[in-house]
Amino acid sequence: MLSPVFRCSQFCKNIFQFNKSVTDNNLYRTYSITKMTTHSKWKIEKNRILNLPLEEKRKLYRTSEYIILDRIYTWLQHARENEHIKTKIRTQDDLNEWKKFKINPEKNVSLAEKVSIFKGDITKLEIDAIVNAANSRLKAGGGVDGAIHRAAGPLLQDECNTLGGCLTGEAKVTCGYDLPAKYVIHTVGPQDGSAVKLQSCYESCLALKGECHYKSIAFPCISTGIYGFPNRQAAHIALRTVRKFLESNEDMERVIFCTFMPVDVDIYETLMQLYFPIED
């Protein structure tokens, strides 16, 4: 027969184990709910934001200086109002690069109204999609990448964390969250000067049109910053890739080349006269 002291001790031990089990279960459930909430919050917000009317979505923007598409000059408008750009000199290397690509001259005027040069902050554009020059881990970095993440808010990183990174030359899409842009397309530019991979960046971003159904998109100068790709060669690749895409995608409304540095403004104003002449 068990002594009263032993029975009391065993009872207390059982109570302790029961309480510990309940506490552990509650902690596990709390952790699981927190984890599930963190993982699902971006999904809920993404679905909500993508279905908001425009006026409601504008209340989310972290900037009051958003720029609508109609305020961005087409290349045709820009070229006609800035005739001095005709004096900009194309080098022999420029002409050699351009000759590698055949354009359909019958589409010159119509396509000159579907491209733009924008000198400013890509995060302020109220368009369907902006392109982020991302790193392979899809983690917020510096430059354009950091600016986009700051303007979009933390849920952008939460969604990026579910994508498993991104290979060089490929592209992945997320919601724009607090950005004026509806989508962010993340692409990883080459660090080794590969023209093939850089062209693949532009092609991969444009190929996502079938998934997102965007009609306007803005590109930064991919790989020309700390990745060191030559600015002029990068512009040739961007322009000929976009020209080829537009010739076979008539429902596209606008492709915007964002040129933040003066050197890129000069290069694009020079080379767009080759790839997007304003006359037939």
Protein backbone atom coordinates (compact mmCIF):
# COMPACT_ATOMS: atom_id res chain seq x y z
CA MET A 1 0.00 0.00 0.00
CA LEU A 2 1.40 3.40 -1.03
CA SER A 3 2.07 5.90 1.72
CA PRO A 4 0.08 9.18 1.78
CA VAL A 5 3.29 11.14 1.21
CA PHE A 6 4.15 9.13 -1.91
CA ARG A 7 0.60 9.43 -3.25
CA CYS A 8 0.69 13.20 -2.75
CA SER A 9 4.08 13.45 -4.45
CA GLN A 10 2.89 11.40 -7.42
CA PHE A 11 -0.26 13.50 -7.69
CA CYS A 12 1.75 16.71 -7.75
CA LYS A 13 4.08 15.22 -10.39
CA ASN A 14 1.11 14.29 -12.57
CA ILE A 15 -0.35 17.78 -12.22
CA PHE A 16 3.01 19.31 -13.20
CA GLN A 17 3.31 17.04 -16.27
CA PHE A 18 -0.26 17.85 -17.30
CA ASN A 19 0.31 21.58 -16.97
CA LYS A 20 3.60 21.32 -18.85
CA SER A 21 1.88 19.39 -21.64
CA VAL A 22 -0.88 22.00 -21.90
CA THR A 23 1.68 24.82 -21.88
CA ASP A 24 3.82 23.13 -24.53
CA ASN A 25 0.78 22.52 -26.72
CA ASN A 26 -0.33 26.12 -26.38
CA LEU A 27 3.15 27.37 -27.22
CA TYR A 28 3.27 25.09 -30.26
CA ARG A 29 -0.16 26.23 -31.41
CA THR A 30 0.80 29.88 -30.87
CA TYR A 31 4.01 29.37 -32.87
CA SER A 32 2.14 27.55 -35.62
CA ILE A 33 -0.54 30.26 -35.85
CA THR A 34 2.11 33.00 -35.88
CA LYS A 35 4.06 31.17 -38.55
CA MET A 36 0.93 30.56 -40.62
CA THR A 37 -0.11 34.21 -40.24
CA THR A 38 3.30 35.44 -41.39
CA HIS A 39 3.24 33.11 -44.37
CA SER A 40 -0.33 33.87 -45.39
CA LYS A 41 -0.52 37.61 -44.77
CA TRP A 42 1.18 38.50 -48.05
CA LYS A 43 -1.18 36.15 -49.92
CA ILE A 44 -4.25 37.77 -48.39
CA GLU A 45 -2.94 41.29 -49.06
CA LYS A 46 -1.83 40.40 -52.57
CA ASN A 47 -5.28 39.14 -53.49
CA ARG A 48 -6.92 42.17 -51.87
CA ILE A 49 -4.63 44.74 -53.50
CA LEU A 50 -4.82 43.25 -56.97
CA ASN A 51 -8.61 43.51 -56.83
CA LEU A 52 -8.86 47.03 -55.42
CA PRO A 53 -10.35 49.84 -57.52
CA LEU A 54 -7.66 52.31 -58.55
CA GLU A 55 -8.81 55.08 -56.21
CA GLU A 56 -8.68 52.72 -53.24
CA LYS A 57 -5.27 51.37 -54.21
CA ARG A 58 -3.88 54.90 -54.39
CA LYS A 59 -4.49 55.25 -50.65
CA LEU A 60 -1.78 52.61 -50.10
CA TYR A 61 0.98 54.40 -52.01
CA ARG A 62 3.93 55.53 -49.93
CA THR A 63 4.37 58.49 -52.26
CA SER A 64 1.98 61.25 -53.25
CA GLU A 65 4.09 62.00 -56.34
CA TYR A 66 3.02 59.03 -58.45
CA ILE A 67 3.20 59.43 -62.22
CA ILE A 68 0.43 58.12 -64.47
CA LEU A 69 1.23 56.69 -67.89
CA ASP A 70 -0.37 59.54 -69.82
CA ARG A 71 2.11 61.99 -68.27
CA ILE A 72 5.09 60.15 -69.72
CA TYR A 73 6.02 61.31 -73.20
CA THR A 74 6.22 58.67 -75.87
CA TRP A 75 9.48 58.52 -77.81
CA LEU A 76 7.70 60.08 -80.80
CA GLN A 77 6.66 63.09 -78.70
CA HIS A 78 10.07 63.38 -77.08
CA ALA A 79 11.97 63.24 -80.37
CA ARG A 80 9.76 65.80 -82.08
CA GLU A 81 10.00 68.26 -79.19
CA ASN A 82 13.77 67.82 -78.78
CA GLU A 83 15.11 68.03 -82.31
CA HIS A 84 18.61 68.71 -81.01
CA ILE A 85 18.98 64.98 -80.30
CA LYS A 86 19.37 64.46 -84.06
CA THR A 87 22.88 65.87 -83.68
CA LYS A 88 23.91 63.09 -81.31
CA ILE A 89 26.60 60.98 -82.94
CA ARG A 90 26.29 57.24 -83.43
CA THR A 91 29.67 55.56 -83.46
CA GLN A 92 30.75 52.95 -85.99
CA ASP A 93 30.37 50.35 -83.25
CA ASP A 94 26.77 51.52 -82.77
CA LEU A 95 26.06 51.08 -86.47
CA ASN A 96 27.69 47.65 -86.51
CA GLU A 97 25.54 46.51 -83.58
CA TRP A 98 22.39 47.91 -85.17
CA LYS A 99 23.07 46.14 -88.48
CA LYS A 100 22.91 42.79 -86.69
CA PHE A 101 19.18 43.34 -86.24
CA LYS A 102 16.50 43.74 -88.91
CA ILE A 103 13.48 45.94 -88.19
CA ASN A 104 10.19 46.19 -90.01
CA PRO A 105 10.22 49.83 -91.22
CA GLU A 106 6.45 49.84 -91.76
CA LYS A 107 6.01 49.77 -87.97
CA ASN A 108 8.42 52.59 -87.15
CA VAL A 109 5.87 55.32 -86.39
CA SER A 110 3.44 53.10 -84.49
CA LEU A 111 6.19 51.61 -82.33
CA ALA A 112 7.73 55.02 -81.63
CA GLU A 113 4.50 55.70 -79.73
CA LYS A 114 4.86 52.54 -77.65
CA VAL A 115 8.25 53.27 -76.08
CA SER A 116 9.46 56.01 -73.74
CA ILE A 117 12.55 57.32 -72.03
CA PHE A 118 11.83 58.25 -68.43
CA LYS A 119 14.37 60.21 -66.40
CA GLY A 120 13.48 59.68 -62.78
CA ASP A 121 12.40 57.32 -60.01
CA ILE A 122 10.99 54.01 -61.26
CA THR A 123 9.14 53.48 -57.95
CA LYS A 124 6.79 56.39 -58.71
CA LEU A 125 5.38 54.99 -61.94
CA GLU A 126 1.70 54.06 -61.83
CA ILE A 127 1.83 51.38 -64.50
CA ASP A 128 1.19 47.66 -64.71
CA ALA A 129 4.72 46.40 -64.00
CA ILE A 130 8.16 47.66 -63.07
CA VAL A 131 11.31 45.57 -63.33
CA ASN A 132 13.63 45.14 -60.37
CA ALA A 133 17.35 44.54 -60.95
CA ALA A 134 17.47 41.92 -58.20
CA ASN A 135 20.09 39.62 -56.70
CA SER A 136 19.85 35.84 -56.97
CA ARG A 137 18.52 35.44 -53.41
CA LEU A 138 15.75 37.99 -54.04
CA LYS A 139 16.76 39.80 -50.86
CA ALA A 140 16.47 43.56 -50.61
CA GLY A 141 19.79 45.12 -51.56
CA GLY A 142 21.02 48.54 -52.62
CA GLY A 143 20.31 50.80 -55.58
CA VAL A 144 17.11 50.20 -57.53
CA ASP A 145 16.50 46.95 -55.65
CA GLY A 146 16.53 48.61 -52.23
CA ALA A 147 14.43 51.55 -53.43
CA ILE A 148 11.75 49.22 -54.77
CA HIS A 149 11.62 47.18 -51.55
CA ARG A 150 11.36 50.31 -49.40
CA ALA A 151 8.56 51.74 -51.52
CA ALA A 152 6.65 48.44 -51.68
CA GLY A 153 6.80 47.66 -47.96
CA PRO A 154 7.78 44.48 -46.06
CA LEU A 155 5.23 42.18 -47.70
CA LEU A 156 7.26 42.31 -50.91
CA GLN A 157 10.14 40.58 -49.15
CA ASP A 158 7.73 38.08 -47.56
CA GLU A 159 6.52 37.03 -51.00
CA CYS A 160 10.05 37.00 -52.43
CA ASN A 161 11.07 34.61 -49.64
CA THR A 162 8.67 31.99 -51.03
CA LEU A 163 10.09 32.06 -54.59
CA GLY A 164 13.29 30.10 -54.00
CA GLY A 165 15.60 32.74 -55.43
CA CYS A 166 16.15 33.47 -59.10
CA LEU A 167 18.84 32.39 -61.56
CA THR A 168 20.81 34.83 -63.69
CA GLY A 169 18.86 35.70 -66.83
CA GLU A 170 15.54 34.54 -65.42
CA ALA A 171 12.63 36.52 -63.96
CA LYS A 172 9.96 36.07 -61.29
CA VAL A 173 6.91 38.20 -60.52
CA THR A 174 5.36 39.47 -57.29
CA CYS A 175 2.66 41.92 -56.32
CA GLY A 176 3.68 45.58 -56.09
CA TYR A 177 1.97 46.04 -52.68
CA ASP A 178 2.37 49.72 -51.65
CA LEU A 179 3.95 50.71 -54.97
CA PRO A 180 1.94 52.55 -57.63
CA ALA A 181 2.90 49.69 -59.99
CA LYS A 182 0.64 46.64 -59.91
CA TYR A 183 3.47 44.11 -60.26
CA VAL A 184 7.21 43.89 -59.66
CA ILE A 185 9.14 41.63 -62.01
CA HIS A 186 12.46 40.60 -60.48
CA THR A 187 15.31 39.67 -62.82
CA VAL A 188 18.95 38.86 -62.07
CA GLY A 189 21.46 40.46 -64.41
CA PRO A 190 24.85 38.93 -65.25
CA GLN A 191 27.95 39.86 -63.30
CA ASP A 192 30.35 38.38 -65.85
CA GLY A 193 29.50 40.59 -68.84
CA SER A 194 27.43 37.90 -70.60
CA ALA A 195 25.41 39.51 -73.39
CA VAL A 196 23.38 36.30 -73.78
CA LYS A 197 22.31 36.37 -70.13
CA LEU A 198 21.46 40.06 -70.25
CA GLN A 199 19.28 39.54 -73.29
CA SER A 200 17.63 36.65 -71.44
CA CYS A 201 16.75 39.06 -68.59
CA TYR A 202 14.73 41.25 -70.94
CA GLU A 203 13.19 38.28 -72.75
CA SER A 204 12.20 36.61 -69.45
CA CYS A 205 10.53 39.78 -68.17
CA LEU A 206 8.63 40.26 -71.41
CA ALA A 207 7.58 36.61 -71.46
CA LEU A 208 5.74 37.12 -68.16
CA LYS A 209 3.19 39.22 -70.04
CA GLY A 210 1.30 35.99 -70.65
CA GLU A 211 1.04 35.37 -66.89
CA CYS A 212 0.37 38.91 -65.64
CA HIS A 213 -1.39 40.31 -68.72
CA TYR A 214 0.38 43.62 -68.24
CA LYS A 215 0.24 46.24 -70.98
CA SER A 216 2.85 48.64 -69.63
CA ILE A 217 6.27 47.86 -68.19
CA ALA A 218 9.33 49.86 -67.11
CA PHE A 219 12.93 48.63 -67.20
CA PRO A 220 15.90 50.02 -65.28
CA CYS A 221 19.36 49.73 -66.87
CA ILE A 222 19.94 46.13 -65.82
CA SER A 223 23.51 45.12 -64.80
CA THR A 224 25.08 48.49 -65.62
CA GLY A 225 25.59 49.52 -61.98
CA ILE A 226 27.81 47.56 -59.62
CA TYR A 227 27.64 44.56 -61.96
CA GLY A 228 29.72 46.57 -64.42
CA PHE A 229 28.06 45.75 -67.75
CA PRO A 230 29.04 48.40 -70.36
CA ASN A 231 26.18 50.94 -70.55
CA ARG A 232 26.19 51.31 -74.31
CA GLN A 233 26.21 47.61 -75.11
CA ALA A 234 23.48 47.05 -72.50
CA ALA A 235 21.31 49.67 -74.21
CA HIS A 236 21.73 47.96 -77.60
CA ILE A 237 20.61 44.66 -76.07
CA ALA A 238 17.61 46.24 -74.33
CA LEU A 239 16.45 48.17 -77.40
CA ARG A 240 16.70 45.37 -79.94
CA THR A 241 15.03 42.86 -77.59
CA VAL A 242 12.12 45.22 -76.93
CA ARG A 243 11.80 46.16 -80.61
CA LYS A 244 11.55 42.48 -81.57
CA PHE A 245 8.93 41.89 -78.87
CA LEU A 246 6.80 44.88 -79.87
CA GLU A 247 6.75 43.93 -83.53
CA SER A 248 4.85 40.76 -82.59
CA ASN A 249 2.80 42.05 -79.61
CA GLU A 250 0.47 44.71 -80.92
CA ASP A 251 -1.64 44.90 -77.74
CA MET A 252 1.29 46.23 -75.72
CA GLU A 253 0.72 49.87 -74.76
CA ARG A 254 4.11 51.04 -73.50
CA VAL A 255 7.64 49.93 -72.69
CA ILE A 256 9.54 52.51 -70.64
CA PHE A 257 13.32 52.72 -70.33
CA CYS A 258 14.21 54.33 -67.00
CA THR A 259 17.46 56.26 -67.29
CA PHE A 260 18.54 57.70 -63.97
CA MET A 261 22.15 58.58 -64.83
CA PRO A 262 22.93 61.31 -67.41
CA VAL A 263 25.18 58.92 -69.34
CA ASP A 264 22.23 56.57 -69.88
CA VAL A 265 19.94 59.40 -70.96
CA ASP A 266 22.47 60.36 -73.61
CA ILE A 267 22.97 56.77 -74.79
CA TYR A 268 19.25 56.02 -75.10
CA GLU A 269 18.47 59.29 -76.88
CA THR A 270 21.23 58.40 -79.35
CA LEU A 271 20.41 54.75 -79.95
CA MET A 272 16.62 54.97 -79.97
CA GLN A 273 16.94 56.92 -83.21
CA LEU A 274 18.29 53.71 -84.74
CA TYR A 275 15.94 51.16 -83.20
CA PHE A 276 12.80 53.33 -83.10
CA PRO A 277 13.07 55.89 -85.93
CA ILE A 278 10.10 58.25 -85.99
CA GLU A 279 9.63 58.00 -89.75
CA ASP A 280 8.77 55.03 -91.97
